[in-house]
Protein backbone atom coordinates (compact mmCIF):
# COMPACT_ATOMS: atom_id res chain seq x y z
CA MET A 1 -0.59 43.07 -41.05
CA THR A 2 -2.94 40.03 -39.92
CA LYS A 3 -0.70 36.83 -38.42
CA ARG A 4 -2.32 33.58 -39.34
CA TYR A 5 -1.91 30.26 -37.50
CA GLN A 6 -2.85 26.60 -38.19
CA VAL A 7 -5.41 26.71 -35.32
CA VAL A 8 -6.66 29.10 -32.86
CA ILE A 9 -7.74 28.37 -29.61
CA ILE A 10 -10.11 30.46 -27.77
CA GLY A 11 -9.77 29.06 -23.83
CA GLY A 12 -6.75 28.91 -21.63
CA GLY A 13 -8.12 26.66 -19.44
CA PRO A 14 -6.81 22.97 -18.86
CA VAL A 15 -8.42 21.72 -21.27
CA GLY A 16 -7.84 25.04 -24.08
CA VAL A 17 -4.05 24.38 -23.15
CA ALA A 18 -3.71 20.65 -23.26
CA LEU A 19 -5.29 21.14 -26.39
CA ALA A 20 -2.59 23.38 -27.54
CA VAL A 21 0.30 20.87 -26.01
CA GLY A 22 -0.69 18.50 -28.08
CA LEU A 23 -0.90 20.47 -31.01
CA GLY A 24 2.64 22.30 -30.48
CA LEU A 25 4.33 18.74 -29.68
CA ARG A 26 3.08 17.56 -33.15
CA GLY A 27 4.59 21.18 -35.17
CA VAL A 28 1.23 22.11 -35.68
CA SER A 29 1.82 26.23 -35.63
CA CYS A 30 -1.68 27.38 -32.83
CA LEU A 31 -2.03 30.45 -30.61
CA LEU A 32 -3.96 30.50 -27.47
CA VAL A 33 -6.46 33.41 -26.22
CA GLU A 34 -7.11 33.17 -22.62
CA ARG A 35 -8.57 36.38 -20.57
CA HIS A 36 -7.11 35.28 -17.05
CA LEU A 37 -3.80 35.80 -16.34
CA GLN A 38 -3.10 32.90 -13.76
CA PRO A 39 -5.12 29.54 -13.18
CA GLN A 40 -7.77 30.06 -10.79
CA ARG A 41 -6.94 29.03 -7.17
CA ILE A 42 -10.15 26.85 -6.43
CA PRO A 43 -9.56 23.19 -5.31
CA LYS A 44 -12.02 21.68 -8.61
CA GLY A 45 -11.35 18.91 -11.07
CA GLN A 46 -9.13 16.97 -8.43
CA ASN A 47 -9.56 13.57 -9.64
CA LEU A 48 -7.32 12.43 -12.61
CA THR A 49 -8.02 9.02 -14.10
CA GLN A 50 -5.62 6.02 -15.30
CA ARG A 51 -6.68 7.15 -18.95
CA THR A 52 -5.48 10.91 -18.10
CA LEU A 53 -2.28 10.22 -16.59
CA GLU A 54 -1.81 7.70 -19.84
CA HIS A 55 -1.84 11.61 -21.73
CA PHE A 56 0.61 12.98 -19.00
CA HIS A 57 3.31 10.96 -19.91
CA PHE A 58 2.81 11.44 -23.72
CA TRP A 59 3.18 14.71 -22.98
CA GLY A 60 6.30 13.88 -21.24
CA LEU A 61 4.66 14.97 -18.01
CA VAL A 62 3.89 12.35 -15.27
CA ASP A 63 6.93 13.17 -13.03
CA GLU A 64 6.01 16.48 -12.83
CA LEU A 65 2.35 16.05 -12.37
CA ARG A 66 2.88 13.53 -9.86
CA ALA A 67 5.27 15.99 -8.11
CA ALA A 68 2.61 18.94 -7.80
CA ARG A 69 0.70 16.43 -6.22
CA VAL A 70 -0.24 18.74 -2.61
CA MET A 71 -1.70 15.42 -0.56
CA PRO A 72 1.19 12.70 0.62
CA ARG A 73 2.12 10.69 -2.53
CA ASP A 74 0.67 7.49 -0.73
CA TYR A 75 -2.57 8.99 0.55
CA PRO A 76 -5.67 6.93 -0.91
CA ILE A 77 -7.85 8.50 -3.28
CA GLY A 78 -10.95 6.80 -3.17
CA GLU A 79 -14.68 7.66 -2.25
CA LEU A 80 -16.39 6.82 0.98
CA THR A 81 -20.40 7.19 1.51
CA ALA A 82 -22.25 7.58 4.85
CA TYR A 83 -25.91 8.19 5.19
CA GLU A 84 -27.33 10.97 6.56
CA SER A 85 -24.02 12.32 7.98
CA LEU A 86 -20.74 11.54 8.75
CA LEU A 87 -21.42 9.96 12.21
CA SER A 88 -23.98 7.32 10.64
CA ASP A 89 -23.16 4.29 11.50
CA TYR A 90 -24.09 3.55 8.37
CA TRP A 91 -21.07 4.38 5.66
CA HIS A 92 -19.14 2.49 3.10
CA ALA A 93 -15.73 3.06 1.35
CA SER A 94 -15.90 0.83 -1.80
CA ALA A 95 -13.23 -0.03 -3.96
CA GLY A 96 -12.35 2.48 -6.72
CA ARG A 97 -11.00 3.14 -9.90
CA GLU A 98 -7.69 0.23 -8.35
CA LEU A 99 -10.43 -1.84 -10.40
CA VAL A 100 -9.39 -1.07 -13.64
CA ARG A 101 -6.04 -0.75 -13.16
CA GLN A 102 -4.43 -3.42 -15.34
CA PHE A 103 -5.73 -1.70 -17.83
CA PHE A 104 -4.19 1.63 -18.26
CA PHE A 105 -0.35 2.12 -18.43
CA GLN A 106 -0.92 4.66 -15.75
CA ALA A 107 -1.98 4.62 -12.24
CA ASN A 108 -4.64 7.77 -11.17
CA GLU A 109 -3.59 10.85 -9.24
CA ARG A 110 -5.06 13.49 -6.93
CA LEU A 111 -4.29 17.43 -7.20
CA PRO A 112 -6.30 20.74 -7.24
CA GLN A 113 -7.01 21.88 -10.85
CA TYR A 114 -4.88 24.77 -10.59
CA GLN A 115 -1.79 22.76 -10.21
CA MET A 116 -2.23 20.41 -12.96
CA GLU A 117 -2.93 23.48 -14.71
CA GLY A 118 0.59 25.00 -13.59
CA VAL A 119 2.15 21.59 -14.90
CA LEU A 120 0.73 22.11 -18.55
CA ARG A 121 1.62 25.62 -18.94
CA LYS A 122 4.83 25.25 -17.86
CA ARG A 123 5.38 22.77 -20.55
CA MET A 124 3.46 24.85 -23.21
CA GLU A 125 5.63 27.62 -22.98
CA THR A 126 8.86 25.86 -23.93
CA LEU A 127 6.57 24.96 -26.89
CA SER A 128 7.96 26.92 -30.19
CA TYR A 129 4.81 26.30 -32.20
CA VAL A 130 2.50 27.68 -29.55
CA GLU A 131 1.79 31.60 -29.02
CA THR A 132 -0.25 33.00 -26.06
CA ARG A 133 -2.43 35.85 -25.33
CA PHE A 134 -2.72 36.03 -21.95
CA GLY A 135 -5.46 38.68 -20.99
CA TYR A 136 -7.23 38.51 -23.73
CA THR A 137 -10.92 37.66 -24.71
CA ALA A 138 -12.42 36.52 -27.84
CA LYS A 139 -15.13 39.64 -29.19
CA THR A 140 -16.25 38.14 -32.88
CA ILE A 141 -15.75 34.78 -35.22
CA GLY A 142 -16.36 33.94 -38.63
CA GLN A 143 -15.48 31.65 -41.32
CA ASP A 144 -15.61 30.91 -44.79
CA ALA A 145 -14.39 27.99 -46.59
CA ASN A 146 -10.43 29.35 -46.27
CA GLY A 147 -10.40 29.79 -42.41
CA VAL A 148 -11.48 31.57 -39.54
CA ARG A 149 -11.32 35.45 -38.42
CA ALA A 150 -11.14 35.98 -34.81
CA THR A 151 -11.42 39.48 -33.26
CA ILE A 152 -9.97 39.31 -29.55
CA VAL A 153 -9.37 42.46 -27.34
CA ASP A 154 -6.80 42.77 -24.11
CA ARG A 155 -7.89 44.12 -21.10
CA ALA A 156 -6.89 47.71 -22.13
CA GLY A 157 -9.76 47.60 -24.77
CA ALA A 158 -6.91 46.78 -27.58
CA THR A 159 -8.21 44.56 -30.34
CA GLU A 160 -6.50 42.45 -32.68
CA GLU A 161 -7.29 40.64 -35.92
CA ILE A 162 -5.97 36.85 -36.56
CA GLU A 163 -6.55 34.19 -38.82
CA ALA A 164 -6.39 30.54 -38.77
CA ASP A 165 -7.41 27.17 -40.63
CA TYR A 166 -9.36 26.62 -37.80
CA LEU A 167 -10.60 27.29 -34.54
CA VAL A 168 -11.65 25.37 -31.41
CA GLY A 169 -13.56 26.85 -28.16
CA CYS A 170 -12.49 25.53 -25.07
CA ASP A 171 -13.92 28.99 -23.27
CA GLY A 172 -16.11 27.31 -20.84
CA GLY A 173 -20.04 27.05 -20.71
CA HIS A 174 -21.08 30.29 -21.79
CA SER A 175 -18.70 30.40 -24.49
CA ILE A 176 -18.78 33.06 -27.47
CA VAL A 177 -17.65 29.70 -29.44
CA ARG A 178 -20.27 28.19 -29.36
CA GLU A 179 -22.97 30.84 -29.44
CA GLN A 180 -21.81 32.35 -32.57
CA ALA A 181 -20.68 29.15 -33.92
CA GLY A 182 -24.58 28.94 -34.09
CA ILE A 183 -24.34 25.41 -31.72
CA ALA A 184 -26.96 24.75 -29.77
CA ARG A 185 -27.02 22.90 -26.06
CA GLY A 186 -29.80 21.03 -24.60
CA GLY A 187 -29.41 18.82 -21.92
CA THR A 188 -31.62 18.55 -18.29
CA ASP A 189 -31.55 21.14 -15.40
CA PHE A 190 -32.64 20.35 -12.24
CA ASP A 191 -33.48 23.36 -10.78
CA GLN A 192 -31.40 23.36 -8.14
CA GLN A 193 -29.00 25.86 -6.17
CA MET A 194 -25.70 24.56 -4.92
CA ILE A 195 -22.98 25.56 -2.87
CA LEU A 196 -19.26 25.70 -2.81
CA ALA A 197 -17.27 26.50 -0.10
CA VAL A 198 -13.40 26.16 0.57
CA PHE A 199 -12.21 25.76 3.47
CA ARG A 200 -9.88 25.17 6.10
CA SER A 201 -10.25 22.42 9.18
CA ARG A 202 -8.12 20.71 11.27
CA GLU A 203 -10.69 19.57 13.52
CA LEU A 204 -12.68 17.75 10.80
CA HIS A 205 -9.35 16.29 10.04
CA GLU A 206 -8.88 14.74 13.22
CA ARG A 207 -12.61 13.63 13.73
CA LEU A 208 -13.08 11.68 10.49
CA LYS A 209 -10.22 9.64 11.33
CA ARG A 210 -12.72 7.26 12.69
CA PHE A 211 -12.32 6.27 8.46
CA PRO A 212 -10.31 4.31 6.21
CA GLU A 213 -8.16 7.06 4.85
CA ARG A 214 -9.95 8.46 1.80
CA SER A 215 -10.22 11.88 -0.21
CA THR A 216 -13.50 12.13 -0.18
CA TYR A 217 -16.72 12.13 1.75
CA ARG A 218 -20.15 11.98 0.59
CA VAL A 219 -23.22 12.53 2.50
CA MET A 220 -26.37 10.72 1.15
CA HIS A 221 -29.55 12.46 3.22
CA PRO A 222 -33.31 11.51 2.74
CA ASP A 223 -34.58 15.44 2.51
CA LEU A 224 -32.30 15.86 -0.20
CA LYS A 225 -33.76 13.98 -2.50
CA GLY A 226 -30.59 12.18 -3.92
CA TYR A 227 -28.82 15.40 -4.65
CA TRP A 228 -25.34 15.17 -3.40
CA GLN A 229 -23.51 16.59 -0.54
CA PHE A 230 -19.81 16.06 -0.55
CA PHE A 231 -16.14 17.39 1.22
CA GLY A 232 -12.83 16.55 -0.67
CA ARG A 233 -9.87 17.25 0.96
CA VAL A 234 -7.32 19.65 -0.76
CA ASP A 235 -4.86 18.56 1.32
CA VAL A 236 -4.29 16.33 4.12
CA GLY A 237 -4.58 17.86 7.82
CA GLU A 238 -6.82 21.36 7.19
CA GLY A 239 -7.85 21.80 3.63
CA TRP A 240 -11.40 21.06 2.50
CA PHE A 241 -13.79 21.66 -0.81
CA PHE A 242 -17.52 21.12 0.02
CA HIS A 243 -20.76 20.99 -1.98
CA ALA A 244 -24.64 20.37 -1.46
CA PRO A 245 -27.54 22.05 -2.33
CA VAL A 246 -29.47 25.19 -0.87
CA PRO A 247 -32.55 26.77 -1.06
CA PRO A 248 -32.67 29.49 -3.97
CA GLY A 249 -31.49 32.77 -2.87
CA THR A 250 -29.26 31.28 -0.51
CA LYS A 251 -26.89 34.03 0.15
CA PRO A 252 -22.72 33.41 1.31
CA ASP A 253 -23.11 34.04 4.70
CA ASP A 254 -20.35 32.47 6.72
CA ARG A 255 -22.61 31.29 9.54
CA ALA A 256 -25.34 29.77 7.67
CA LEU A 257 -23.12 27.92 5.29
CA LYS A 258 -21.67 26.44 8.45
CA LYS A 259 -24.33 25.04 10.22
CA LEU A 260 -25.27 23.29 6.81
CA ILE A 261 -21.57 21.96 6.52
CA GLU A 262 -21.56 20.74 10.47
CA LYS A 263 -25.42 19.25 9.67
CA ALA A 264 -23.60 17.32 6.61
CA ALA A 265 -20.61 16.32 9.45
CA GLY A 266 -23.26 15.32 12.09
CA PHE A 267 -21.18 17.60 14.63
CA GLU A 268 -19.81 21.26 15.77
CA PHE A 269 -16.37 22.29 13.71
CA ALA A 270 -13.88 24.45 13.72
CA CYS A 271 -13.06 26.52 10.53
CA GLU A 272 -12.02 29.17 8.28
CA PHE A 273 -13.12 29.95 4.92
CA ASP A 274 -11.28 30.80 1.98
CA HIS A 275 -14.14 30.56 -0.90
CA LEU A 276 -18.01 31.01 -1.27
CA GLY A 277 -20.01 30.25 -4.57
CA PHE A 278 -23.15 29.03 -6.05
CA TRP A 279 -23.46 27.10 -9.03
CA ASP A 280 -26.71 26.18 -10.52
CA LEU A 281 -27.43 22.11 -11.20
CA ARG A 282 -28.05 21.30 -14.61
CA VAL A 283 -26.56 18.38 -17.14
CA ALA A 284 -25.71 20.34 -21.15
CA VAL A 285 -24.45 18.66 -24.02
CA ALA A 286 -24.43 20.86 -27.22
CA ASP A 287 -26.02 19.47 -30.24
CA ARG A 288 -22.93 18.92 -32.18
CA TYR A 289 -19.21 19.58 -31.63
CA ARG A 290 -18.19 20.90 -34.98
CA ALA A 291 -19.25 23.98 -37.32
CA GLY A 292 -17.32 24.05 -40.00
CA ARG A 293 -13.93 25.05 -39.18
CA VAL A 294 -15.06 25.78 -35.98
CA PHE A 295 -15.18 23.48 -32.90
CA ILE A 296 -15.87 23.59 -29.16
CA ALA A 297 -14.27 20.91 -26.48
CA GLY A 298 -14.27 20.68 -22.59
CA ASP A 299 -17.32 22.99 -21.07
CA ALA A 300 -17.89 24.97 -24.31
CA ALA A 301 -19.19 21.07 -25.06
CA HIS A 302 -20.52 19.68 -22.03
CA SER A 303 -20.79 20.96 -18.96
CA HIS A 304 -22.47 18.76 -15.67
CA PRO A 305 -21.53 19.03 -11.79
CA PRO A 306 -18.68 18.04 -10.27
CA TYR A 307 -19.44 14.27 -10.06
CA GLY A 308 -17.70 11.39 -10.22
CA GLY A 309 -14.74 13.26 -11.98
CA PHE A 310 -16.13 13.26 -15.77
CA GLY A 311 -15.73 16.54 -16.61
CA LEU A 312 -12.07 17.34 -16.50
CA ASN A 313 -11.28 14.07 -17.65
CA ASN A 314 -13.68 14.62 -20.62
CA GLY A 315 -12.10 17.61 -21.39
CA LEU A 316 -8.88 16.79 -21.93
CA GLU A 317 -9.78 13.30 -23.66
CA ASP A 318 -11.31 15.70 -26.46
CA ALA A 319 -8.47 17.76 -26.77
CA VAL A 320 -6.45 14.48 -27.17
CA ASN A 321 -8.78 13.06 -29.52
CA LEU A 322 -8.97 16.48 -31.60
CA ALA A 323 -5.17 17.10 -31.69
CA TRP A 324 -3.89 14.26 -33.23
CA LYS A 325 -7.20 15.14 -35.90
CA LEU A 326 -6.33 18.40 -36.58
CA THR A 327 -2.92 17.75 -37.35
CA ALA A 328 -3.65 14.88 -39.70
CA ALA A 329 -5.60 17.76 -41.36
CA VAL A 330 -2.99 20.84 -41.24
CA GLN A 331 -0.66 18.01 -42.41
CA GLY A 332 -2.64 16.44 -45.50
CA TRP A 333 -3.06 13.16 -44.51
CA GLY A 334 -6.24 13.33 -42.48
CA GLY A 335 -9.38 13.83 -44.22
CA ASP A 336 -12.48 15.67 -43.72
CA ALA A 337 -14.45 12.42 -42.32
CA LEU A 338 -11.50 12.13 -39.68
CA LEU A 339 -12.72 15.83 -38.56
CA GLN A 340 -16.21 15.13 -38.40
CA SER A 341 -15.30 11.88 -36.11
CA TYR A 342 -14.50 14.40 -33.91
CA ASP A 343 -18.45 14.84 -33.19
CA ASP A 344 -19.19 11.19 -33.89
CA GLU A 345 -16.79 10.16 -31.23
CA ARG A 346 -16.85 12.46 -28.59
CA ARG A 347 -20.61 13.72 -28.06
CA PRO A 348 -22.24 10.50 -27.99
CA VAL A 349 -19.47 9.43 -25.33
CA PHE A 350 -20.36 12.46 -22.98
CA LYS A 351 -24.09 12.30 -23.51
CA GLU A 352 -24.20 9.00 -22.50
CA ILE A 353 -22.18 10.32 -19.15
CA ALA A 354 -24.48 13.03 -19.22
CA GLU A 355 -28.48 11.16 -19.23
CA GLU A 356 -27.08 7.76 -17.41
CA LEU A 357 -23.96 8.18 -15.07
CA ILE A 358 -25.23 11.28 -13.98
CA ALA A 359 -29.12 12.33 -14.12
CA ALA A 360 -29.79 8.60 -13.74
CA ARG A 361 -27.85 8.58 -10.71
CA ILE A 362 -29.44 11.68 -8.89
CA GLU A 363 -32.67 10.28 -9.76
CA GLU A 364 -31.44 6.52 -8.15
CA ASP A 365 -30.07 7.63 -5.32
CA GLY A 366 -33.21 9.73 -4.52
CA ALA A 367 -35.52 6.81 -5.16
CA PHE A 368 -33.10 4.47 -2.92
CA LEU A 369 -33.57 7.48 -0.18
CA ASP A 370 -37.58 7.26 -0.33
CA ARG A 371 -37.82 3.68 -0.56
CA TYR A 372 -35.21 2.96 2.02
CA ASN A 373 -34.99 4.03 5.83
CA PRO A 374 -33.28 2.83 8.80
CA HIS A 375 -35.80 4.44 11.11
CA ARG A 376 -38.71 3.15 9.37
CA ASP A 377 -37.32 -0.54 8.54
CA ARG A 378 -33.98 -1.31 9.69
CA ALA A 379 -33.41 -4.51 8.13
CA GLU A 380 -34.60 -4.12 5.17
CA PHE A 381 -32.52 -0.74 4.78
CA GLU A 382 -29.36 -2.66 5.89
CA LYS A 383 -29.42 -5.22 3.04
CA ALA A 384 -30.39 -2.67 0.43
CA TRP A 385 -27.21 -0.66 2.47
CA ARG A 386 -24.71 -3.64 1.70
CA GLU A 387 -26.28 -4.56 -1.87
CA ARG A 388 -25.72 -0.80 -2.39
CA GLU A 389 -22.10 -0.92 -1.53
CA SER A 390 -21.46 -3.52 -4.27
CA ASP A 391 -23.03 -1.29 -6.92
CA VAL A 392 -19.98 0.97 -6.43
CA GLY A 393 -17.03 -0.85 -7.72
CA SER A 394 -19.36 -2.39 -10.91
CA ARG A 395 -20.24 1.57 -11.76
CA VAL A 396 -16.30 1.98 -11.97
CA GLN A 397 -16.34 -1.45 -14.54
CA VAL A 398 -18.60 -0.71 -16.57
CA TYR A 399 -17.66 3.38 -17.58
CA GLU A 400 -15.25 2.00 -20.71
CA PRO A 401 -15.90 5.26 -23.70
CA ASN A 402 -15.31 2.90 -26.82
CA TYR A 403 -15.90 4.17 -30.27
CA GLU A 404 -17.05 1.23 -32.06
CA GLY A 405 -19.67 3.00 -33.94
CA SER A 406 -17.13 5.48 -35.28
CA PRO A 407 -16.64 6.00 -39.33
CA VAL A 408 -12.90 5.85 -38.49
CA VAL A 409 -12.82 2.87 -37.12
CA LEU A 410 -13.28 -0.51 -38.56
CA GLY A 411 -15.84 -1.83 -35.72
CA PRO A 412 -18.15 -4.34 -35.49
CA PRO A 413 -20.98 -4.31 -37.48
CA GLY A 414 -23.90 -2.18 -35.74
CA GLY A 415 -21.09 -1.30 -33.17
CA VAL A 416 -22.55 1.98 -31.44
CA THR A 417 -19.89 4.62 -29.71
CA ARG A 418 -20.92 5.05 -26.15
CA ALA A 419 -19.30 5.70 -22.91
CA THR A 420 -20.05 2.25 -21.17
CA GLY A 421 -18.56 -1.34 -22.54
CA THR A 422 -16.45 -3.63 -20.95
CA HIS A 423 -12.69 -3.52 -19.65
CA LEU A 424 -10.84 -6.41 -21.71
CA LEU A 425 -7.03 -7.13 -22.47
CA LYS A 426 -8.61 -8.10 -26.17
CA ALA A 427 -7.67 -5.55 -29.06
CA ARG A 428 -10.62 -4.76 -29.89
CA PRO A 429 -11.83 -2.19 -33.00
CA GLY A 430 -12.92 1.80 -31.14
CA HIS A 431 -11.54 0.35 -27.82
CA HIS A 432 -8.71 2.03 -25.89
CA LEU A 433 -5.81 -0.31 -26.04
CA ALA A 434 -4.57 -2.07 -23.15
CA PRO A 435 -1.22 -1.98 -21.74
CA GLN A 436 1.21 -5.52 -22.15
CA PRO A 437 4.91 -5.82 -21.63
CA LEU A 438 7.85 -6.15 -25.15
CA SER A 439 10.36 -8.89 -25.37
CA SER A 440 12.65 -5.80 -24.53
CA GLY A 441 11.25 -5.06 -21.09
CA ARG A 442 9.67 -2.22 -21.93
CA ASN A 443 5.97 -1.48 -22.37
CA VAL A 444 3.78 -1.19 -25.72
CA PHE A 445 2.70 2.58 -24.41
CA GLU A 446 6.67 3.26 -24.30
CA GLU A 447 6.61 2.57 -27.75
CA LEU A 448 4.05 4.13 -29.13
CA GLY A 449 4.77 7.82 -30.67
CA SER A 450 2.35 10.87 -31.71
CA GLY A 451 1.57 9.44 -35.50
CA LEU A 452 -0.63 5.56 -35.70
CA ALA A 453 1.36 2.54 -34.55
CA LEU A 454 1.19 -0.65 -36.38
CA LEU A 455 1.82 -3.82 -33.21
CA ALA A 456 3.22 -6.41 -35.48
CA PHE A 457 3.64 -10.00 -33.44
CA ASP A 458 4.65 -12.87 -35.39
CA ALA A 459 2.43 -11.10 -38.24
CA ASP A 460 1.82 -12.01 -41.64
CA ALA A 461 4.64 -10.41 -43.72
CA SER A 462 2.65 -9.41 -46.75
CA SER A 463 0.17 -7.63 -44.64
CA VAL A 464 2.74 -5.76 -42.50
CA ALA A 465 3.86 -4.39 -46.11
CA ALA A 466 1.02 -3.81 -47.57
CA LEU A 467 -0.17 -1.63 -44.35
CA GLU A 468 3.72 0.30 -44.55
CA ARG A 469 3.08 0.86 -48.29
CA ALA A 470 -0.74 2.45 -47.64
CA ALA A 471 0.64 4.32 -45.29
CA GLN A 472 3.63 5.58 -47.01
CA THR A 473 1.07 6.50 -50.26
CA LEU A 474 -1.16 8.67 -48.31
CA LYS A 475 1.89 9.83 -46.27
CA VAL A 476 0.25 8.86 -42.90
CA PRO A 477 3.11 8.65 -40.01
CA LEU A 478 3.19 4.74 -39.22
CA THR A 479 5.57 3.40 -36.38
CA VAL A 480 6.01 -0.79 -36.59
CA ILE A 481 6.08 -2.45 -33.44
CA ARG A 482 7.69 -6.03 -33.84
CA ASP A 483 8.02 -8.70 -31.93
CA SER A 484 6.94 -12.22 -30.26
CA PHE A 485 3.26 -13.52 -30.11
CA ALA A 486 4.16 -14.95 -26.80
CA GLY A 487 5.15 -13.26 -23.52
CA GLY A 488 1.23 -11.69 -22.98
CA ARG A 489 0.38 -10.19 -26.35
CA GLU A 490 -1.34 -13.34 -27.10
CA ALA A 491 -3.83 -11.40 -24.53
CA TYR A 492 -4.75 -8.91 -27.34
CA GLU A 493 -5.98 -11.85 -29.29
CA SER A 494 -4.71 -10.61 -32.97
CA ARG A 495 -1.04 -10.45 -34.33
CA LEU A 496 -1.88 -7.11 -35.92
CA VAL A 497 -3.19 -4.20 -34.33
CA LEU A 498 -3.67 -0.33 -35.81
CA VAL A 499 -3.48 1.64 -32.86
CA ARG A 500 -4.53 5.38 -33.71
CA PRO A 501 -2.39 8.38 -31.47
CA ASP A 502 -5.08 8.79 -28.88
CA GLN A 503 -3.70 4.58 -28.18
CA HIS A 504 -7.64 3.70 -29.30
CA VAL A 505 -7.49 0.63 -31.74
CA ALA A 506 -8.27 1.58 -34.92
CA TRP A 507 -8.22 -2.31 -36.70
CA SER A 508 -7.08 -5.64 -35.49
CA GLY A 509 -6.57 -9.38 -37.36
CA ASP A 510 -4.46 -11.60 -38.28
CA ILE A 511 -4.43 -10.81 -41.87
CA CYS A 512 -5.49 -7.65 -43.90
CA ALA A 513 -6.96 -8.15 -47.55
CA ASP A 514 -7.19 -4.70 -48.61
CA ALA A 515 -4.54 -2.86 -46.42
CA ASP A 516 -4.95 0.61 -48.85
CA ALA A 517 -9.71 0.19 -47.93
CA VAL A 518 -8.23 -0.35 -43.90
CA MET A 519 -5.56 2.77 -44.09
CA LYS A 520 -7.64 5.16 -46.23
CA GLN A 521 -10.83 4.62 -43.63
CA VAL A 522 -8.66 4.90 -40.58
CA VAL A 523 -7.17 8.83 -41.41
CA GLY A 524 -11.12 9.57 -43.07
CA GLN A 525 -9.53 9.50 -46.96
CA ALA A 526 -12.05 6.64 -47.90
């Protein structure tokens, strides 16, 4: 007999497991299918943003995640950039994500992706609503008006037929779900092969004590036309990974690659390789994230080089955005417009990341290296290098994904959904809610639940009652958080703030003139 679930997830990397956790915690039955038995022990996706740590807070996993850290707890997470090599006199270690810390409930974190995956998998195993099939691969998927069907096969060739209300492909850049759902993908191909080397070297650690403590060291070399070379710490002492462009046809030869790494470092050092692999430098974004009852998330929807930590963090944001919307659909309080808003919100954000924050930055770096050179004009280069250092912090500050143009957000007229904006404490529809203390001593984020929340600060009683009635009529789970407007809450600049389950503001104001219309639009029933 074919078993039916509410959601089937194809792909059990961090995004798929995060989605399963988000659904399972809300009581949604789901099956996760993953071809690997264990997480792959390659230290990629290490930088986790403050926003990602907020997700771990709501999954009840912040302490477990921080305990899984490999580097010392207080070791800095920031980046250092050097010109030509790590022996250069030209380098800067600018401020990073700490510049926007006040706008998030959690501090950022750094640990190998496989450590983070282990924490998520342990949580998933405790959820009775989640079943798993490790060692299985999806072969075919299909759908009709009543649901989706999938055939999965194990390593011995045995097949299993499954059915569900919805299916989500979290199965990576070569997604079979995306292919069989007929979703095209476009982007920028730089026609450049890259190397990933994982190695151990205590000598490199010792030589880099000339710098302030940092977790990532980036080298800008004029010969590379803006493509990055960077060293990343796996631990503090000997563990490293290294990314760099290499000529076409490069083979995984330890000696040749050691010379490449030493050229970027600027000195010879002893090292032992644990892993050598290659990848192609490209940025790709799917034309749509939904095809009927089938959705894609993470690398299946978008892929790019490991620059800036955008990939993993945005994949987890996909999972969080989609989890509450699928929950609303299967529980009957979310309309189809809410499901469609997953594509409306997430795709424009990553499209701008791909085009403006990654591809454009490679071009800008190439133009800088072509224009300025200390061997040609030292004074000109040094002036430009100082100006460039100040730009690093500004890039962090303008990265502010928001959904102002979403059809399920009551945003400003002409609002546009995008990856950049301005961090403010003000509660703005479409934007992430900033944390603020309550009179009780707890933070607003400690009172938000898995459903919608209404912040009511010395608010108009009739408006609060009307929003409560509208939610009850539509069967929308709503928690009302009442407090005074003083004590920090006035920074929101609204006495009423309707917050979505993903901590983005859906609506704000002092008076709600039409509560039914507001609630219907927010849950896609307008």
